[in-house]
């Protein structure tokens, strides 16, 4: 697994973590520098839109995408490029701790600091993004609820798939690869 600090730093150095300005921002100039787009030369490129802070894990899907490509293909930057567009309710991910403190972003965006249980006064996403859950959706909570060992439960769930169902390393990876193979996408 990629250390979270280097994961976010790699995103920042590649394309900038903050790609969408909040609606209250005023442009600093009349020209926009979009030359960073020319740096996206990886075999696999994916953009992620973060418009809210669901369950305080908005960057988990990006980490899952990067982890799956490393596990399956042995690929990392510069062969994999990710762009994270952050807008609307996801804005606090962009801000440094001083901005979180001065403008009380935790209170305004209703983000609690997991270390204190209080409104966050620091960017909780920067240094310690929460670790992703298990590889098969629902295994850990189901194992905890039933008392069964997670690995045995995982094997049983996989064996119980309907005909034609395929196990994939990551949902987000599948979406990118399917699109690279000519599929269009519609969320249901």
N, C-alpha and C. Protein backbone atom coordinates (compact mmCIF):
# COMPACT_ATOMS: atom_id res chain seq x y z
N UNK A 1 0.84 -1.18 0.00
CA UNK A 1 0.00 0.00 0.00
C UNK A 1 0.88 1.24 0.00
N UNK A 2 0.52 2.25 -0.76
CA UNK A 2 1.27 3.50 -0.84
C UNK A 2 1.03 4.30 0.43
N UNK A 3 2.09 4.83 1.05
CA UNK A 3 1.87 5.67 2.21
C UNK A 3 0.98 6.84 1.81
N UNK A 4 0.04 7.21 2.68
CA UNK A 4 -0.95 8.21 2.33
C UNK A 4 -0.32 9.56 2.00
N UNK A 5 0.73 9.99 2.72
CA UNK A 5 1.35 11.28 2.47
C UNK A 5 1.91 11.29 1.05
N UNK A 6 2.62 10.22 0.65
CA UNK A 6 3.19 10.21 -0.69
C UNK A 6 2.11 10.09 -1.75
N UNK A 7 1.00 9.43 -1.45
CA UNK A 7 -0.12 9.32 -2.37
C UNK A 7 -0.66 10.71 -2.69
N UNK A 8 -0.92 11.51 -1.65
CA UNK A 8 -1.45 12.85 -1.89
C UNK A 8 -0.41 13.75 -2.51
N UNK A 9 0.83 13.61 -2.12
CA UNK A 9 1.89 14.41 -2.71
C UNK A 9 2.04 14.08 -4.18
N UNK A 10 1.96 12.79 -4.53
CA UNK A 10 2.05 12.40 -5.94
C UNK A 10 0.91 13.02 -6.73
N UNK A 11 -0.28 13.03 -6.17
CA UNK A 11 -1.40 13.67 -6.84
C UNK A 11 -1.13 15.16 -7.02
N UNK A 12 -0.63 15.77 -5.96
CA UNK A 12 -0.39 17.21 -6.03
C UNK A 12 0.69 17.54 -7.05
N UNK A 13 1.75 16.75 -7.10
CA UNK A 13 2.82 17.04 -8.03
C UNK A 13 2.42 16.73 -9.47
N UNK A 14 1.52 15.79 -9.66
CA UNK A 14 1.12 15.43 -11.01
C UNK A 14 0.21 16.46 -11.62
N UNK A 15 -0.83 16.81 -10.90
CA UNK A 15 -1.82 17.65 -11.55
C UNK A 15 -2.46 18.68 -10.63
N UNK A 16 -2.07 18.67 -9.42
CA UNK A 16 -2.72 19.56 -8.47
C UNK A 16 -3.95 18.88 -7.92
N UNK A 17 -4.04 18.80 -6.61
CA UNK A 17 -5.19 18.15 -6.01
C UNK A 17 -6.44 18.98 -6.24
N UNK A 18 -6.32 20.28 -6.19
CA UNK A 18 -7.50 21.14 -6.36
C UNK A 18 -7.61 21.55 -7.82
N UNK A 19 -8.59 20.99 -8.50
CA UNK A 19 -8.76 21.29 -9.91
C UNK A 19 -9.99 22.14 -10.19
N UNK A 20 -10.91 22.18 -9.28
CA UNK A 20 -12.11 22.97 -9.49
C UNK A 20 -12.20 24.02 -8.40
N UNK A 21 -12.39 25.25 -8.79
CA UNK A 21 -12.48 26.31 -7.79
C UNK A 21 -13.87 26.33 -7.19
N UNK A 22 -13.98 26.66 -5.92
CA UNK A 22 -15.30 26.74 -5.32
C UNK A 22 -16.07 27.91 -5.92
N UNK A 23 -17.38 27.88 -5.83
CA UNK A 23 -18.22 28.88 -6.47
C UNK A 23 -17.97 30.28 -5.93
N UNK A 24 -17.42 30.43 -4.72
CA UNK A 24 -17.19 31.75 -4.17
C UNK A 24 -15.81 32.30 -4.49
N UNK A 25 -14.98 31.55 -5.23
CA UNK A 25 -13.62 32.00 -5.54
C UNK A 25 -13.64 33.03 -6.66
N UNK A 26 -12.66 33.92 -6.61
CA UNK A 26 -12.49 34.92 -7.65
C UNK A 26 -11.21 34.57 -8.40
N UNK A 27 -11.24 34.44 -9.74
CA UNK A 27 -10.03 34.10 -10.47
C UNK A 27 -8.94 35.16 -10.24
N UNK A 28 -7.69 34.70 -10.13
CA UNK A 28 -6.58 35.62 -9.89
C UNK A 28 -6.08 36.26 -11.17
N UNK A 29 -6.43 35.73 -12.31
CA UNK A 29 -6.02 36.34 -13.57
C UNK A 29 -7.05 36.01 -14.63
N UNK A 30 -6.86 36.62 -15.79
CA UNK A 30 -7.78 36.36 -16.90
C UNK A 30 -7.39 35.12 -17.70
N UNK A 31 -6.24 34.54 -17.40
CA UNK A 31 -5.79 33.34 -18.12
C UNK A 31 -5.65 32.19 -17.14
N UNK A 32 -5.93 31.04 -17.64
CA UNK A 32 -5.83 29.83 -16.83
C UNK A 32 -4.72 28.97 -17.41
N UNK A 33 -3.86 28.43 -16.55
CA UNK A 33 -2.78 27.55 -17.00
C UNK A 33 -3.26 26.11 -16.91
N UNK A 34 -3.57 25.52 -18.04
CA UNK A 34 -4.00 24.13 -18.09
C UNK A 34 -2.92 23.23 -18.70
N UNK A 35 -1.69 23.73 -18.72
CA UNK A 35 -0.59 22.97 -19.33
C UNK A 35 -0.31 21.66 -18.59
N UNK A 36 -0.72 21.56 -17.34
CA UNK A 36 -0.50 20.32 -16.58
C UNK A 36 -1.18 19.13 -17.25
N UNK A 37 -2.23 19.37 -18.05
CA UNK A 37 -2.91 18.28 -18.75
C UNK A 37 -1.97 17.56 -19.71
N UNK A 38 -1.00 18.27 -20.25
CA UNK A 38 -0.03 17.67 -21.17
C UNK A 38 0.90 16.68 -20.48
N UNK A 39 0.96 16.71 -19.16
CA UNK A 39 1.80 15.79 -18.40
C UNK A 39 1.14 14.43 -18.19
N UNK A 40 -0.12 14.29 -18.55
CA UNK A 40 -0.85 13.03 -18.37
C UNK A 40 -0.52 12.09 -19.52
N UNK A 41 0.54 11.31 -19.37
CA UNK A 41 1.02 10.44 -20.44
C UNK A 41 1.04 8.97 -20.05
N UNK A 42 0.43 8.61 -18.95
CA UNK A 42 0.44 7.23 -18.47
C UNK A 42 -0.35 6.29 -19.37
N UNK A 43 -0.08 5.00 -19.21
CA UNK A 43 -0.85 3.98 -19.94
C UNK A 43 -2.31 4.02 -19.54
N UNK A 44 -2.54 4.31 -18.27
CA UNK A 44 -3.91 4.39 -17.75
C UNK A 44 -4.06 5.75 -17.09
N UNK A 45 -5.14 6.44 -17.43
CA UNK A 45 -5.41 7.77 -16.88
C UNK A 45 -6.87 7.80 -16.44
N UNK A 46 -7.10 8.31 -15.24
CA UNK A 46 -8.48 8.37 -14.75
C UNK A 46 -8.69 9.66 -13.97
N UNK A 47 -9.84 10.25 -14.18
CA UNK A 47 -10.23 11.44 -13.42
C UNK A 47 -11.30 11.04 -12.43
N UNK A 48 -11.21 11.59 -11.24
CA UNK A 48 -12.16 11.33 -10.16
C UNK A 48 -12.78 12.66 -9.77
N UNK A 49 -14.09 12.70 -9.67
CA UNK A 49 -14.79 13.92 -9.25
C UNK A 49 -15.22 13.76 -7.80
N UNK A 50 -14.78 14.67 -6.97
CA UNK A 50 -15.16 14.68 -5.56
C UNK A 50 -15.97 15.94 -5.33
N UNK A 51 -17.27 15.77 -5.13
CA UNK A 51 -18.14 16.91 -4.92
C UNK A 51 -18.72 16.96 -3.53
N UNK A 52 -18.39 15.96 -2.72
CA UNK A 52 -18.90 15.93 -1.35
C UNK A 52 -17.89 15.19 -0.48
N UNK A 53 -18.20 15.07 0.77
CA UNK A 53 -17.33 14.37 1.72
C UNK A 53 -18.08 13.17 2.29
N UNK A 54 -18.37 12.16 1.45
CA UNK A 54 -19.15 11.02 1.95
C UNK A 54 -18.35 10.19 2.94
N UNK A 55 -18.94 9.94 4.08
CA UNK A 55 -18.32 9.08 5.10
C UNK A 55 -16.88 9.46 5.42
N UNK A 56 -16.50 10.67 5.12
CA UNK A 56 -15.15 11.16 5.38
C UNK A 56 -14.07 10.29 4.73
N UNK A 57 -14.37 9.63 3.61
CA UNK A 57 -13.40 8.82 2.88
C UNK A 57 -13.39 9.19 1.39
N UNK A 58 -13.38 10.46 1.02
CA UNK A 58 -13.52 10.81 -0.38
C UNK A 58 -12.36 10.37 -1.27
N UNK A 59 -11.19 10.18 -0.71
CA UNK A 59 -10.04 9.81 -1.55
C UNK A 59 -9.78 8.30 -1.53
N UNK A 60 -10.59 7.54 -0.81
CA UNK A 60 -10.42 6.09 -0.74
C UNK A 60 -10.49 5.45 -2.12
N UNK A 61 -11.40 5.91 -2.97
CA UNK A 61 -11.57 5.30 -4.29
C UNK A 61 -10.33 5.53 -5.14
N UNK A 62 -9.71 6.70 -5.02
CA UNK A 62 -8.49 6.98 -5.77
C UNK A 62 -7.36 6.05 -5.30
N UNK A 63 -7.23 5.89 -3.99
CA UNK A 63 -6.22 4.99 -3.44
C UNK A 63 -6.48 3.56 -3.90
N UNK A 64 -7.74 3.15 -3.93
CA UNK A 64 -8.11 1.81 -4.37
C UNK A 64 -7.71 1.60 -5.83
N UNK A 65 -7.94 2.59 -6.67
CA UNK A 65 -7.56 2.54 -8.09
C UNK A 65 -6.05 2.35 -8.23
N UNK A 66 -5.28 3.16 -7.52
CA UNK A 66 -3.81 3.08 -7.59
C UNK A 66 -3.32 1.74 -7.04
N UNK A 67 -3.87 1.30 -5.92
CA UNK A 67 -3.47 0.02 -5.32
C UNK A 67 -3.75 -1.15 -6.27
N UNK A 68 -4.93 -1.14 -6.92
CA UNK A 68 -5.30 -2.23 -7.83
C UNK A 68 -4.37 -2.29 -9.03
N UNK A 69 -4.02 -1.17 -9.60
CA UNK A 69 -3.09 -1.17 -10.75
C UNK A 69 -1.70 -1.65 -10.33
N UNK A 70 -1.29 -1.32 -9.12
CA UNK A 70 0.01 -1.79 -8.64
C UNK A 70 -0.04 -3.30 -8.40
N UNK A 71 -1.12 -3.79 -7.77
CA UNK A 71 -1.27 -5.23 -7.49
C UNK A 71 -1.35 -6.06 -8.76
N UNK A 72 -2.19 -5.64 -9.70
CA UNK A 72 -2.48 -6.44 -10.89
C UNK A 72 -1.41 -6.29 -11.97
N UNK A 73 -1.03 -5.07 -12.27
CA UNK A 73 -0.11 -4.81 -13.38
C UNK A 73 1.29 -4.39 -12.95
N UNK A 74 1.50 -4.15 -11.65
CA UNK A 74 2.79 -3.66 -11.18
C UNK A 74 3.08 -2.25 -11.64
N UNK A 75 2.04 -1.46 -11.86
CA UNK A 75 2.20 -0.10 -12.39
C UNK A 75 1.99 0.96 -11.33
N UNK A 76 2.74 2.03 -11.45
CA UNK A 76 2.60 3.20 -10.59
C UNK A 76 2.94 4.42 -11.44
N UNK A 77 2.92 5.60 -10.85
CA UNK A 77 3.30 6.81 -11.57
C UNK A 77 4.72 6.64 -12.10
N UNK A 78 5.01 6.98 -13.34
CA UNK A 78 4.24 7.76 -14.31
C UNK A 78 3.37 6.93 -15.24
N UNK A 79 3.29 5.61 -15.05
CA UNK A 79 2.47 4.77 -15.92
C UNK A 79 0.98 4.87 -15.60
N UNK A 80 0.66 5.35 -14.41
CA UNK A 80 -0.72 5.57 -13.99
C UNK A 80 -0.86 7.03 -13.62
N UNK A 81 -1.86 7.70 -14.19
CA UNK A 81 -2.12 9.10 -13.85
C UNK A 81 -3.52 9.22 -13.29
N UNK A 82 -3.62 9.91 -12.17
CA UNK A 82 -4.92 10.20 -11.59
C UNK A 82 -5.06 11.71 -11.46
N UNK A 83 -6.24 12.18 -11.72
CA UNK A 83 -6.59 13.59 -11.54
C UNK A 83 -7.80 13.61 -10.63
N UNK A 84 -7.74 14.42 -9.60
CA UNK A 84 -8.85 14.53 -8.67
C UNK A 84 -9.43 15.93 -8.79
N UNK A 85 -10.64 16.01 -9.31
CA UNK A 85 -11.35 17.28 -9.40
C UNK A 85 -12.18 17.44 -8.15
N UNK A 86 -11.90 18.49 -7.39
CA UNK A 86 -12.57 18.68 -6.11
C UNK A 86 -13.42 19.95 -6.19
N UNK A 87 -14.71 19.80 -5.94
CA UNK A 87 -15.62 20.94 -6.05
C UNK A 87 -16.67 20.89 -4.95
N UNK A 88 -17.46 21.95 -4.88
CA UNK A 88 -18.59 22.07 -3.98
C UNK A 88 -18.26 21.63 -2.55
N UNK A 89 -18.97 20.67 -2.04
CA UNK A 89 -18.81 20.26 -0.65
C UNK A 89 -17.47 19.57 -0.39
N UNK A 90 -16.73 19.20 -1.42
CA UNK A 90 -15.43 18.58 -1.24
C UNK A 90 -14.31 19.58 -1.05
N UNK A 91 -14.62 20.88 -1.15
CA UNK A 91 -13.60 21.93 -1.10
C UNK A 91 -12.60 21.80 0.04
N UNK A 92 -12.98 21.46 1.27
CA UNK A 92 -12.01 21.43 2.36
C UNK A 92 -10.79 20.53 2.12
N UNK A 93 -10.90 19.54 1.25
CA UNK A 93 -9.75 18.68 0.96
C UNK A 93 -8.59 19.52 0.42
N UNK A 94 -8.90 20.62 -0.25
CA UNK A 94 -7.89 21.48 -0.86
C UNK A 94 -7.10 22.32 0.13
N UNK A 95 -7.64 22.59 1.30
CA UNK A 95 -7.13 23.63 2.18
C UNK A 95 -6.11 23.14 3.20
N UNK A 96 -5.14 24.03 3.47
CA UNK A 96 -4.14 23.77 4.50
C UNK A 96 -4.76 23.96 5.89
N UNK A 97 -4.06 23.46 6.90
CA UNK A 97 -4.56 23.51 8.27
C UNK A 97 -4.91 24.93 8.71
N UNK A 98 -4.10 25.91 8.35
CA UNK A 98 -4.36 27.29 8.78
C UNK A 98 -5.71 27.79 8.26
N UNK A 99 -6.09 27.39 7.06
CA UNK A 99 -7.39 27.78 6.51
C UNK A 99 -8.50 27.05 7.25
N UNK A 100 -8.28 25.77 7.56
CA UNK A 100 -9.28 25.01 8.33
C UNK A 100 -9.54 25.71 9.67
N UNK A 101 -8.47 26.15 10.31
CA UNK A 101 -8.60 26.80 11.61
C UNK A 101 -9.27 28.16 11.49
N UNK A 102 -8.75 29.01 10.62
CA UNK A 102 -9.25 30.38 10.51
C UNK A 102 -10.73 30.42 10.12
N UNK A 103 -11.12 29.61 9.16
CA UNK A 103 -12.48 29.67 8.64
C UNK A 103 -13.40 28.58 9.19
N UNK A 104 -12.92 27.85 10.19
CA UNK A 104 -13.70 26.80 10.84
C UNK A 104 -14.36 25.88 9.81
N UNK A 105 -13.55 25.36 8.90
CA UNK A 105 -14.08 24.51 7.84
C UNK A 105 -14.74 23.25 8.39
N UNK A 106 -14.19 22.70 9.45
CA UNK A 106 -14.80 21.51 10.05
C UNK A 106 -16.24 21.77 10.47
N UNK A 107 -16.46 22.88 11.15
CA UNK A 107 -17.82 23.22 11.59
C UNK A 107 -18.70 23.55 10.39
N UNK A 108 -18.18 24.33 9.47
CA UNK A 108 -18.99 24.76 8.32
C UNK A 108 -19.34 23.60 7.39
N UNK A 109 -18.42 22.64 7.23
CA UNK A 109 -18.66 21.49 6.36
C UNK A 109 -19.09 20.25 7.16
N UNK A 110 -19.22 20.40 8.46
CA UNK A 110 -19.63 19.32 9.35
C UNK A 110 -18.71 18.11 9.26
N UNK A 111 -17.41 18.38 9.42
CA UNK A 111 -16.39 17.33 9.40
C UNK A 111 -15.80 17.22 10.80
N UNK A 112 -15.92 16.05 11.38
CA UNK A 112 -15.36 15.80 12.72
C UNK A 112 -13.94 15.26 12.58
N UNK A 113 -13.09 15.67 13.50
CA UNK A 113 -11.73 15.15 13.57
C UNK A 113 -11.80 13.80 14.28
N UNK A 114 -11.39 12.71 13.62
CA UNK A 114 -11.48 11.40 14.26
C UNK A 114 -10.63 11.29 15.52
N UNK A 115 -9.59 12.11 15.63
CA UNK A 115 -8.72 12.05 16.81
C UNK A 115 -9.36 12.71 18.03
N UNK A 116 -10.21 13.73 17.82
CA UNK A 116 -10.78 14.46 18.95
C UNK A 116 -12.29 14.33 19.08
N UNK A 117 -12.96 13.96 18.00
CA UNK A 117 -14.42 13.90 18.01
C UNK A 117 -15.06 15.28 17.89
N UNK A 118 -14.25 16.32 17.81
CA UNK A 118 -14.74 17.71 17.68
C UNK A 118 -14.70 18.13 16.21
N UNK A 119 -15.29 19.31 15.92
CA UNK A 119 -15.20 19.82 14.55
C UNK A 119 -13.73 19.94 14.18
N UNK A 120 -13.38 19.45 13.02
CA UNK A 120 -11.98 19.44 12.59
C UNK A 120 -11.46 20.87 12.44
N UNK A 121 -10.26 21.08 12.97
CA UNK A 121 -9.58 22.38 12.84
C UNK A 121 -8.28 22.19 12.06
N UNK A 122 -8.20 21.04 11.37
CA UNK A 122 -7.05 20.71 10.54
C UNK A 122 -7.57 19.88 9.36
N UNK A 123 -6.77 19.77 8.32
CA UNK A 123 -7.16 18.97 7.17
C UNK A 123 -6.94 17.50 7.52
N UNK A 124 -8.00 16.82 7.88
CA UNK A 124 -7.90 15.42 8.30
C UNK A 124 -7.59 14.49 7.13
N UNK A 125 -7.70 14.98 5.90
CA UNK A 125 -7.46 14.15 4.72
C UNK A 125 -6.00 14.15 4.29
N UNK A 126 -5.21 15.13 4.72
CA UNK A 126 -3.86 15.30 4.20
C UNK A 126 -2.88 14.24 4.70
N UNK A 127 -2.71 14.11 6.01
CA UNK A 127 -1.70 13.20 6.55
C UNK A 127 -2.16 11.78 6.79
N UNK A 128 -3.40 11.60 7.12
CA UNK A 128 -3.83 10.27 7.55
C UNK A 128 -5.17 9.90 6.95
N UNK A 129 -5.20 9.74 5.64
CA UNK A 129 -6.44 9.29 5.03
C UNK A 129 -6.76 7.92 5.62
N UNK A 130 -8.00 7.69 6.03
CA UNK A 130 -8.35 6.41 6.63
C UNK A 130 -8.03 5.24 5.69
N UNK A 131 -7.60 4.15 6.26
CA UNK A 131 -7.26 2.95 5.49
C UNK A 131 -8.51 2.38 4.83
N UNK A 132 -8.34 1.83 3.62
CA UNK A 132 -9.50 1.25 2.93
C UNK A 132 -9.98 -0.03 3.60
N UNK A 133 -11.26 -0.35 3.38
CA UNK A 133 -11.78 -1.61 3.93
C UNK A 133 -11.24 -2.81 3.18
N UNK A 134 -11.74 -4.01 3.51
CA UNK A 134 -11.28 -5.25 2.88
C UNK A 134 -11.54 -5.29 1.39
N UNK A 135 -10.97 -6.30 0.72
CA UNK A 135 -11.04 -6.40 -0.73
C UNK A 135 -12.40 -6.80 -1.28
N UNK A 136 -13.17 -7.58 -0.57
CA UNK A 136 -14.52 -7.93 -1.04
C UNK A 136 -15.50 -7.10 -0.23
N UNK A 137 -16.36 -6.38 -0.93
CA UNK A 137 -17.30 -5.48 -0.28
C UNK A 137 -18.08 -6.22 0.81
N UNK A 138 -18.08 -5.66 1.99
CA UNK A 138 -18.90 -6.19 3.07
C UNK A 138 -18.29 -7.33 3.87
N UNK A 139 -17.10 -7.81 3.54
CA UNK A 139 -16.54 -8.96 4.25
C UNK A 139 -16.29 -8.64 5.72
N UNK A 140 -15.61 -7.54 6.01
CA UNK A 140 -15.27 -7.25 7.40
C UNK A 140 -16.50 -7.07 8.28
N UNK A 141 -17.48 -6.23 7.86
CA UNK A 141 -18.66 -6.11 8.73
C UNK A 141 -19.45 -7.41 8.86
N UNK A 142 -19.53 -8.17 7.77
CA UNK A 142 -20.27 -9.43 7.80
C UNK A 142 -19.55 -10.44 8.70
N UNK A 143 -18.22 -10.47 8.63
CA UNK A 143 -17.44 -11.38 9.49
C UNK A 143 -17.62 -10.99 10.95
N UNK A 144 -17.59 -9.69 11.23
CA UNK A 144 -17.77 -9.24 12.61
C UNK A 144 -19.17 -9.58 13.12
N UNK A 145 -20.16 -9.44 12.25
CA UNK A 145 -21.55 -9.71 12.64
C UNK A 145 -21.82 -11.20 12.84
N UNK A 146 -21.20 -12.06 12.00
CA UNK A 146 -21.48 -13.49 12.07
C UNK A 146 -20.49 -14.25 12.94
N UNK A 147 -19.33 -13.64 13.23
CA UNK A 147 -18.31 -14.31 14.01
C UNK A 147 -17.47 -15.27 13.19
N UNK A 148 -17.66 -15.31 11.87
CA UNK A 148 -16.87 -16.19 11.01
C UNK A 148 -15.53 -15.54 10.66
N UNK A 149 -14.50 -16.36 10.45
CA UNK A 149 -13.21 -15.80 10.02
C UNK A 149 -13.36 -15.11 8.66
N UNK A 150 -12.77 -13.94 8.51
CA UNK A 150 -12.92 -13.13 7.29
C UNK A 150 -12.48 -13.88 6.04
N UNK A 151 -11.36 -14.58 6.09
CA UNK A 151 -10.88 -15.27 4.88
C UNK A 151 -11.81 -16.40 4.44
N UNK A 152 -12.32 -17.17 5.40
CA UNK A 152 -13.26 -18.24 5.07
C UNK A 152 -14.56 -17.66 4.52
N UNK A 153 -15.02 -16.58 5.11
CA UNK A 153 -16.23 -15.93 4.64
C UNK A 153 -16.03 -15.38 3.24
N UNK A 154 -14.88 -14.77 2.99
CA UNK A 154 -14.56 -14.24 1.65
C UNK A 154 -14.63 -15.35 0.61
N UNK A 155 -14.00 -16.49 0.91
CA UNK A 155 -13.99 -17.62 -0.02
C UNK A 155 -15.41 -18.12 -0.28
N UNK A 156 -16.23 -18.17 0.76
CA UNK A 156 -17.61 -18.63 0.60
C UNK A 156 -18.42 -17.65 -0.26
N UNK A 157 -18.23 -16.34 -0.03
CA UNK A 157 -18.95 -15.34 -0.82
C UNK A 157 -18.57 -15.44 -2.30
N UNK A 158 -17.29 -15.62 -2.58
CA UNK A 158 -16.83 -15.73 -3.97
C UNK A 158 -17.39 -17.00 -4.61
N UNK A 159 -17.37 -18.10 -3.88
CA UNK A 159 -17.91 -19.36 -4.40
C UNK A 159 -19.42 -19.25 -4.66
N UNK A 160 -20.09 -18.33 -3.97
CA UNK A 160 -21.53 -18.18 -4.12
C UNK A 160 -21.96 -17.16 -5.16
N UNK A 161 -21.03 -16.67 -5.98
CA UNK A 161 -21.40 -15.72 -7.04
C UNK A 161 -22.34 -16.38 -8.04
N UNK A 162 -23.24 -15.60 -8.61
CA UNK A 162 -24.09 -16.07 -9.69
C UNK A 162 -23.25 -16.37 -10.92
N UNK A 163 -23.74 -17.24 -11.83
CA UNK A 163 -23.00 -17.53 -13.06
C UNK A 163 -22.73 -16.23 -13.83
N UNK A 164 -21.52 -16.10 -14.33
CA UNK A 164 -21.14 -14.93 -15.11
C UNK A 164 -20.56 -13.80 -14.30
N UNK A 165 -20.70 -13.83 -12.97
CA UNK A 165 -20.13 -12.78 -12.13
C UNK A 165 -18.62 -13.00 -12.04
N UNK A 166 -17.86 -11.94 -12.21
CA UNK A 166 -16.40 -12.03 -12.16
C UNK A 166 -15.87 -11.19 -10.99
N UNK A 167 -14.91 -11.73 -10.28
CA UNK A 167 -14.25 -11.00 -9.20
C UNK A 167 -13.25 -10.05 -9.85
N UNK A 168 -13.25 -8.81 -9.42
CA UNK A 168 -12.33 -7.81 -9.96
C UNK A 168 -11.50 -7.21 -8.83
N UNK A 169 -10.33 -6.68 -9.14
CA UNK A 169 -9.49 -6.13 -8.08
C UNK A 169 -10.05 -4.86 -7.45
N UNK A 170 -10.76 -4.04 -8.24
CA UNK A 170 -11.34 -2.80 -7.72
C UNK A 170 -12.38 -2.30 -8.70
N UNK A 171 -13.53 -1.91 -8.18
CA UNK A 171 -14.61 -1.40 -9.01
C UNK A 171 -14.13 -0.21 -9.85
N UNK A 172 -13.42 0.70 -9.22
CA UNK A 172 -12.94 1.88 -9.91
C UNK A 172 -11.96 1.53 -11.03
N UNK A 173 -11.15 0.50 -10.83
CA UNK A 173 -10.23 0.05 -11.87
C UNK A 173 -11.02 -0.49 -13.06
N UNK A 174 -12.05 -1.29 -12.77
CA UNK A 174 -12.88 -1.85 -13.82
C UNK A 174 -13.52 -0.76 -14.67
N UNK A 175 -14.03 0.29 -14.03
CA UNK A 175 -14.66 1.37 -14.78
C UNK A 175 -13.68 2.00 -15.77
N UNK A 176 -12.47 2.27 -15.33
CA UNK A 176 -11.46 2.85 -16.21
C UNK A 176 -11.08 1.91 -17.34
N UNK A 177 -10.82 0.65 -17.02
CA UNK A 177 -10.41 -0.31 -18.05
C UNK A 177 -11.53 -0.56 -19.05
N UNK A 178 -12.77 -0.64 -18.59
CA UNK A 178 -13.90 -0.84 -19.50
C UNK A 178 -14.03 0.35 -20.46
N UNK A 179 -13.84 1.55 -19.95
CA UNK A 179 -13.90 2.73 -20.81
C UNK A 179 -12.75 2.75 -21.80
N UNK A 180 -11.56 2.34 -21.36
CA UNK A 180 -10.42 2.25 -22.28
C UNK A 180 -10.68 1.24 -23.39
N UNK A 181 -11.56 0.26 -23.12
CA UNK A 181 -11.90 -0.76 -24.11
C UNK A 181 -13.16 -0.38 -24.91
N UNK A 182 -13.56 0.88 -24.86
CA UNK A 182 -14.64 1.36 -25.70
C UNK A 182 -16.01 1.40 -25.07
N UNK A 183 -16.14 1.02 -23.81
CA UNK A 183 -17.45 1.07 -23.16
C UNK A 183 -17.81 2.51 -22.81
N UNK A 184 -19.08 2.83 -22.87
CA UNK A 184 -19.56 4.08 -22.30
C UNK A 184 -20.05 3.76 -20.91
N UNK A 185 -20.39 4.78 -20.13
CA UNK A 185 -20.70 4.57 -18.73
C UNK A 185 -21.98 5.30 -18.35
N UNK A 186 -22.82 4.62 -17.60
CA UNK A 186 -24.01 5.23 -17.03
C UNK A 186 -24.20 4.66 -15.64
N UNK A 187 -24.33 5.54 -14.66
CA UNK A 187 -24.52 5.07 -13.28
C UNK A 187 -26.00 4.84 -13.02
N UNK A 188 -26.31 3.71 -12.41
CA UNK A 188 -27.71 3.38 -12.09
C UNK A 188 -28.02 3.69 -10.67
